[in-house]
N, C-alpha and C. Protein backbone atom coordinates (compact mmCIF):
# COMPACT_ATOMS: atom_id res chain seq x y z
N MET A 1 8.51 4.81 -10.36
CA MET A 1 8.13 6.16 -10.73
C MET A 1 6.86 6.11 -11.59
N VAL A 2 5.98 7.04 -11.42
CA VAL A 2 4.74 7.13 -12.17
C VAL A 2 4.95 8.10 -13.32
N THR A 3 4.73 7.64 -14.56
CA THR A 3 4.99 8.50 -15.72
C THR A 3 3.81 8.64 -16.67
N THR A 4 2.86 7.70 -16.64
CA THR A 4 1.75 7.72 -17.59
C THR A 4 0.43 7.51 -16.88
N GLY A 5 -0.63 7.85 -17.56
CA GLY A 5 -1.96 7.65 -16.99
C GLY A 5 -3.03 7.62 -18.05
N LEU A 6 -4.25 7.49 -17.58
CA LEU A 6 -5.43 7.52 -18.43
C LEU A 6 -6.52 8.30 -17.72
N ILE A 7 -7.27 9.06 -18.49
CA ILE A 7 -8.53 9.62 -18.03
C ILE A 7 -9.59 9.04 -18.96
N VAL A 8 -10.51 8.27 -18.40
CA VAL A 8 -11.55 7.61 -19.18
C VAL A 8 -12.89 8.21 -18.76
N ARG A 9 -13.49 8.97 -19.65
CA ARG A 9 -14.77 9.61 -19.36
C ARG A 9 -15.91 8.69 -19.80
N LEU A 10 -16.91 8.57 -18.92
CA LEU A 10 -18.02 7.65 -19.16
C LEU A 10 -19.35 8.38 -19.02
N GLN A 11 -20.20 8.23 -20.03
CA GLN A 11 -21.53 8.82 -20.00
C GLN A 11 -22.56 7.70 -19.94
N PRO A 12 -23.27 7.58 -18.83
CA PRO A 12 -24.23 6.48 -18.71
C PRO A 12 -25.48 6.70 -19.56
N ARG A 13 -26.12 5.61 -19.92
CA ARG A 13 -27.44 5.71 -20.53
C ARG A 13 -28.40 6.30 -19.50
N VAL A 14 -29.42 6.99 -19.97
CA VAL A 14 -30.43 7.53 -19.07
C VAL A 14 -31.06 6.38 -18.30
N GLY A 15 -31.12 6.52 -17.00
CA GLY A 15 -31.68 5.49 -16.14
C GLY A 15 -30.68 4.44 -15.70
N LYS A 16 -29.44 4.49 -16.22
CA LYS A 16 -28.42 3.50 -15.87
C LYS A 16 -27.33 4.08 -14.97
N GLU A 17 -27.54 5.28 -14.45
CA GLU A 17 -26.52 5.96 -13.65
C GLU A 17 -26.10 5.14 -12.43
N GLU A 18 -27.06 4.64 -11.70
CA GLU A 18 -26.73 3.88 -10.49
C GLU A 18 -26.10 2.53 -10.82
N GLU A 19 -26.52 1.93 -11.93
CA GLU A 19 -25.89 0.67 -12.35
C GLU A 19 -24.43 0.89 -12.74
N LEU A 20 -24.15 2.02 -13.42
CA LEU A 20 -22.76 2.32 -13.77
C LEU A 20 -21.95 2.59 -12.51
N ALA A 21 -22.52 3.32 -11.57
CA ALA A 21 -21.81 3.58 -10.31
C ALA A 21 -21.49 2.27 -9.60
N ALA A 22 -22.44 1.35 -9.56
CA ALA A 22 -22.22 0.05 -8.91
C ALA A 22 -21.18 -0.77 -9.67
N PHE A 23 -21.23 -0.72 -11.00
CA PHE A 23 -20.23 -1.43 -11.80
C PHE A 23 -18.83 -0.93 -11.48
N LEU A 24 -18.66 0.40 -11.45
CA LEU A 24 -17.34 0.97 -11.18
C LEU A 24 -16.86 0.61 -9.78
N ALA A 25 -17.72 0.71 -8.80
CA ALA A 25 -17.32 0.33 -7.44
C ALA A 25 -16.94 -1.14 -7.38
N GLY A 26 -17.65 -1.97 -8.11
CA GLY A 26 -17.36 -3.40 -8.13
C GLY A 26 -16.13 -3.78 -8.93
N ALA A 27 -15.60 -2.85 -9.72
CA ALA A 27 -14.41 -3.14 -10.53
C ALA A 27 -13.12 -3.08 -9.74
N LEU A 28 -13.16 -2.53 -8.54
CA LEU A 28 -11.94 -2.39 -7.74
C LEU A 28 -11.17 -3.70 -7.56
N PRO A 29 -11.81 -4.80 -7.21
CA PRO A 29 -11.05 -6.05 -7.06
C PRO A 29 -10.34 -6.48 -8.35
N LEU A 30 -10.91 -6.15 -9.50
CA LEU A 30 -10.27 -6.51 -10.77
C LEU A 30 -8.94 -5.77 -10.95
N VAL A 31 -8.93 -4.51 -10.61
CA VAL A 31 -7.72 -3.70 -10.82
C VAL A 31 -6.68 -3.94 -9.72
N GLN A 32 -7.09 -4.42 -8.57
CA GLN A 32 -6.14 -4.65 -7.49
C GLN A 32 -5.12 -5.73 -7.85
N SER A 33 -5.43 -6.57 -8.80
CA SER A 33 -4.48 -7.61 -9.20
C SER A 33 -3.50 -7.14 -10.28
N GLU A 34 -3.57 -5.88 -10.67
CA GLU A 34 -2.68 -5.33 -11.69
C GLU A 34 -1.49 -4.66 -11.00
N PRO A 35 -0.33 -5.28 -11.01
CA PRO A 35 0.81 -4.71 -10.27
C PRO A 35 1.29 -3.36 -10.81
N ASP A 36 1.07 -3.08 -12.08
CA ASP A 36 1.55 -1.83 -12.65
C ASP A 36 0.51 -0.71 -12.63
N THR A 37 -0.65 -0.96 -12.05
CA THR A 37 -1.62 0.11 -11.86
C THR A 37 -1.35 0.70 -10.49
N VAL A 38 -0.63 1.81 -10.48
CA VAL A 38 -0.15 2.43 -9.25
C VAL A 38 -1.30 3.09 -8.49
N ALA A 39 -2.18 3.76 -9.22
CA ALA A 39 -3.35 4.40 -8.62
C ALA A 39 -4.51 4.24 -9.58
N TRP A 40 -5.70 3.99 -9.04
CA TRP A 40 -6.92 3.80 -9.84
C TRP A 40 -8.06 4.43 -9.07
N LEU A 41 -8.75 5.35 -9.73
CA LEU A 41 -9.89 6.01 -9.11
C LEU A 41 -11.08 5.94 -10.05
N ALA A 42 -12.22 5.56 -9.53
CA ALA A 42 -13.48 5.66 -10.24
C ALA A 42 -14.23 6.82 -9.58
N VAL A 43 -14.59 7.84 -10.36
CA VAL A 43 -15.17 9.05 -9.79
C VAL A 43 -16.48 9.42 -10.48
N ARG A 44 -17.29 10.15 -9.73
CA ARG A 44 -18.56 10.65 -10.24
C ARG A 44 -18.58 12.15 -10.01
N ALA A 45 -18.75 12.93 -11.09
CA ALA A 45 -18.77 14.39 -10.97
C ALA A 45 -20.18 14.91 -10.71
N ASP A 46 -21.17 14.28 -11.30
CA ASP A 46 -22.57 14.60 -11.04
C ASP A 46 -23.40 13.38 -11.43
N THR A 47 -24.68 13.53 -11.52
CA THR A 47 -25.53 12.35 -11.73
C THR A 47 -25.25 11.62 -13.03
N SER A 48 -24.72 12.32 -14.03
CA SER A 48 -24.50 11.65 -15.32
C SER A 48 -23.09 11.84 -15.86
N SER A 49 -22.13 12.06 -14.99
CA SER A 49 -20.75 12.26 -15.42
C SER A 49 -19.81 11.42 -14.55
N PHE A 50 -19.19 10.42 -15.17
CA PHE A 50 -18.31 9.50 -14.48
C PHE A 50 -16.96 9.46 -15.18
N ALA A 51 -15.95 9.03 -14.46
CA ALA A 51 -14.63 8.85 -15.07
C ALA A 51 -13.83 7.83 -14.28
N ILE A 52 -12.89 7.24 -14.96
CA ILE A 52 -11.85 6.43 -14.34
C ILE A 52 -10.54 7.17 -14.59
N VAL A 53 -9.75 7.33 -13.54
CA VAL A 53 -8.45 7.98 -13.65
C VAL A 53 -7.44 7.02 -13.06
N ASP A 54 -6.43 6.68 -13.84
CA ASP A 54 -5.44 5.72 -13.33
C ASP A 54 -4.05 6.05 -13.83
N PHE A 55 -3.05 5.52 -13.09
CA PHE A 55 -1.65 5.88 -13.34
C PHE A 55 -0.75 4.66 -13.31
N PHE A 56 0.34 4.74 -14.09
CA PHE A 56 1.21 3.59 -14.32
C PHE A 56 2.68 4.04 -14.34
N PRO A 57 3.59 3.11 -14.11
CA PRO A 57 5.01 3.47 -14.12
C PRO A 57 5.55 3.75 -15.52
N ASP A 58 4.89 3.18 -16.53
CA ASP A 58 5.40 3.32 -17.89
C ASP A 58 4.31 2.92 -18.89
N GLU A 59 4.65 3.04 -20.17
CA GLU A 59 3.70 2.72 -21.24
C GLU A 59 3.29 1.25 -21.21
N ALA A 60 4.20 0.37 -20.86
CA ALA A 60 3.85 -1.06 -20.80
C ALA A 60 2.77 -1.31 -19.75
N GLY A 61 2.85 -0.63 -18.62
CA GLY A 61 1.83 -0.76 -17.59
C GLY A 61 0.48 -0.24 -18.06
N ARG A 62 0.52 0.87 -18.77
CA ARG A 62 -0.72 1.43 -19.31
C ARG A 62 -1.36 0.47 -20.31
N GLN A 63 -0.54 -0.09 -21.19
CA GLN A 63 -1.08 -1.01 -22.19
C GLN A 63 -1.60 -2.29 -21.54
N ALA A 64 -0.93 -2.76 -20.51
CA ALA A 64 -1.40 -3.96 -19.79
C ALA A 64 -2.76 -3.69 -19.16
N HIS A 65 -2.94 -2.50 -18.62
CA HIS A 65 -4.23 -2.15 -18.03
C HIS A 65 -5.32 -2.09 -19.09
N LEU A 66 -5.01 -1.48 -20.23
CA LEU A 66 -5.99 -1.38 -21.31
C LEU A 66 -6.39 -2.75 -21.85
N ALA A 67 -5.53 -3.74 -21.67
CA ALA A 67 -5.83 -5.10 -22.11
C ALA A 67 -6.32 -5.97 -20.95
N GLY A 68 -6.52 -5.37 -19.78
CA GLY A 68 -6.82 -6.12 -18.58
C GLY A 68 -8.30 -6.35 -18.31
N ALA A 69 -8.57 -6.81 -17.10
CA ALA A 69 -9.91 -7.25 -16.70
C ALA A 69 -10.92 -6.12 -16.63
N VAL A 70 -10.53 -4.94 -16.15
CA VAL A 70 -11.49 -3.84 -16.05
C VAL A 70 -11.93 -3.40 -17.44
N ALA A 71 -10.97 -3.24 -18.35
CA ALA A 71 -11.31 -2.84 -19.71
C ALA A 71 -12.20 -3.88 -20.38
N SER A 72 -11.89 -5.14 -20.15
CA SER A 72 -12.69 -6.22 -20.73
C SER A 72 -14.11 -6.21 -20.17
N ALA A 73 -14.25 -6.05 -18.86
CA ALA A 73 -15.57 -6.01 -18.24
C ALA A 73 -16.36 -4.79 -18.71
N LEU A 74 -15.69 -3.65 -18.84
CA LEU A 74 -16.37 -2.45 -19.31
C LEU A 74 -16.85 -2.64 -20.74
N ALA A 75 -16.01 -3.22 -21.59
CA ALA A 75 -16.41 -3.48 -22.97
C ALA A 75 -17.62 -4.42 -23.02
N GLU A 76 -17.63 -5.40 -22.15
CA GLU A 76 -18.73 -6.37 -22.11
C GLU A 76 -20.06 -5.71 -21.72
N HIS A 77 -20.02 -4.71 -20.85
CA HIS A 77 -21.24 -4.08 -20.34
C HIS A 77 -21.53 -2.71 -20.97
N ALA A 78 -20.66 -2.25 -21.87
CA ALA A 78 -20.80 -0.89 -22.41
C ALA A 78 -22.12 -0.67 -23.12
N ALA A 79 -22.57 -1.60 -23.93
CA ALA A 79 -23.80 -1.39 -24.69
C ALA A 79 -25.00 -1.20 -23.77
N ASP A 80 -24.99 -1.86 -22.64
CA ASP A 80 -26.10 -1.75 -21.70
C ASP A 80 -25.99 -0.50 -20.82
N LEU A 81 -24.78 -0.14 -20.41
CA LEU A 81 -24.60 0.92 -19.43
C LEU A 81 -24.29 2.30 -20.00
N LEU A 82 -23.66 2.36 -21.17
CA LEU A 82 -23.14 3.64 -21.66
C LEU A 82 -23.92 4.18 -22.85
N ALA A 83 -24.09 5.51 -22.86
CA ALA A 83 -24.77 6.19 -23.96
C ALA A 83 -23.84 6.40 -25.15
N ALA A 84 -22.55 6.39 -24.90
CA ALA A 84 -21.53 6.59 -25.94
C ALA A 84 -20.31 5.77 -25.55
N PRO A 85 -19.46 5.47 -26.51
CA PRO A 85 -18.23 4.75 -26.16
C PRO A 85 -17.40 5.55 -25.15
N PRO A 86 -16.64 4.87 -24.31
CA PRO A 86 -15.77 5.59 -23.37
C PRO A 86 -14.81 6.50 -24.13
N HIS A 87 -14.58 7.67 -23.60
CA HIS A 87 -13.60 8.58 -24.17
C HIS A 87 -12.30 8.36 -23.40
N ILE A 88 -11.33 7.71 -24.04
CA ILE A 88 -10.07 7.33 -23.39
C ILE A 88 -8.99 8.33 -23.79
N GLU A 89 -8.46 9.02 -22.78
CA GLU A 89 -7.44 10.03 -23.02
C GLU A 89 -6.14 9.65 -22.31
N PRO A 90 -5.12 9.24 -23.06
CA PRO A 90 -3.82 8.98 -22.44
C PRO A 90 -3.20 10.30 -21.96
N VAL A 91 -2.56 10.26 -20.81
CA VAL A 91 -1.91 11.45 -20.27
C VAL A 91 -0.51 11.11 -19.81
N ASP A 92 0.35 12.12 -19.80
CA ASP A 92 1.68 12.01 -19.23
C ASP A 92 1.66 12.66 -17.86
N VAL A 93 2.31 12.06 -16.89
CA VAL A 93 2.36 12.59 -15.53
C VAL A 93 3.55 13.54 -15.43
N LEU A 94 3.27 14.77 -15.02
CA LEU A 94 4.31 15.78 -14.89
C LEU A 94 4.86 15.84 -13.46
N ALA A 95 4.00 15.55 -12.50
CA ALA A 95 4.40 15.54 -11.09
C ALA A 95 3.42 14.63 -10.36
N VAL A 96 3.86 14.06 -9.25
CA VAL A 96 3.01 13.12 -8.53
C VAL A 96 3.26 13.21 -7.03
N LYS A 97 2.18 13.06 -6.29
CA LYS A 97 2.27 12.88 -4.84
C LYS A 97 1.30 11.76 -4.50
N LEU A 98 1.84 10.67 -4.05
CA LEU A 98 1.03 9.54 -3.62
C LEU A 98 1.29 9.31 -2.13
N PRO A 99 0.34 8.73 -1.41
CA PRO A 99 0.50 8.60 0.03
C PRO A 99 1.70 7.77 0.47
N TYR A 100 2.14 6.86 -0.36
CA TYR A 100 3.24 5.97 0.03
C TYR A 100 4.41 6.08 -0.91
N GLY A 101 4.62 7.25 -1.49
CA GLY A 101 5.72 7.46 -2.41
C GLY A 101 5.27 7.28 -3.84
N ASP A 102 6.21 7.38 -4.77
CA ASP A 102 5.82 7.28 -6.17
C ASP A 102 6.23 5.95 -6.78
N GLU A 103 6.49 4.96 -5.97
CA GLU A 103 6.82 3.63 -6.47
C GLU A 103 5.62 2.71 -6.29
N PRO A 104 5.36 1.83 -7.26
CA PRO A 104 4.23 0.90 -7.12
C PRO A 104 4.46 -0.11 -6.01
């Protein structure tokens, strides 16, 4: 069952928009090895508005993700790519529809 999630808002440095987009697209293999990351999306709303949205079965899964490879890689590249620190918003899942059910 999916119960928790994160919305991570990212603001790129001016001129780093495409590098941030490439970084996010390249992060997919890192998150694929996380068994408790049920869904992970890297999205772009406009030229300078990005976010990562992800979901987990429980708080332990969320914490494992926050301590995982994607978070580590983002922290390593944040000073170069981001105009401000990521805005990390924990969320509770009220309802879910996933293509293959709600089990990881």
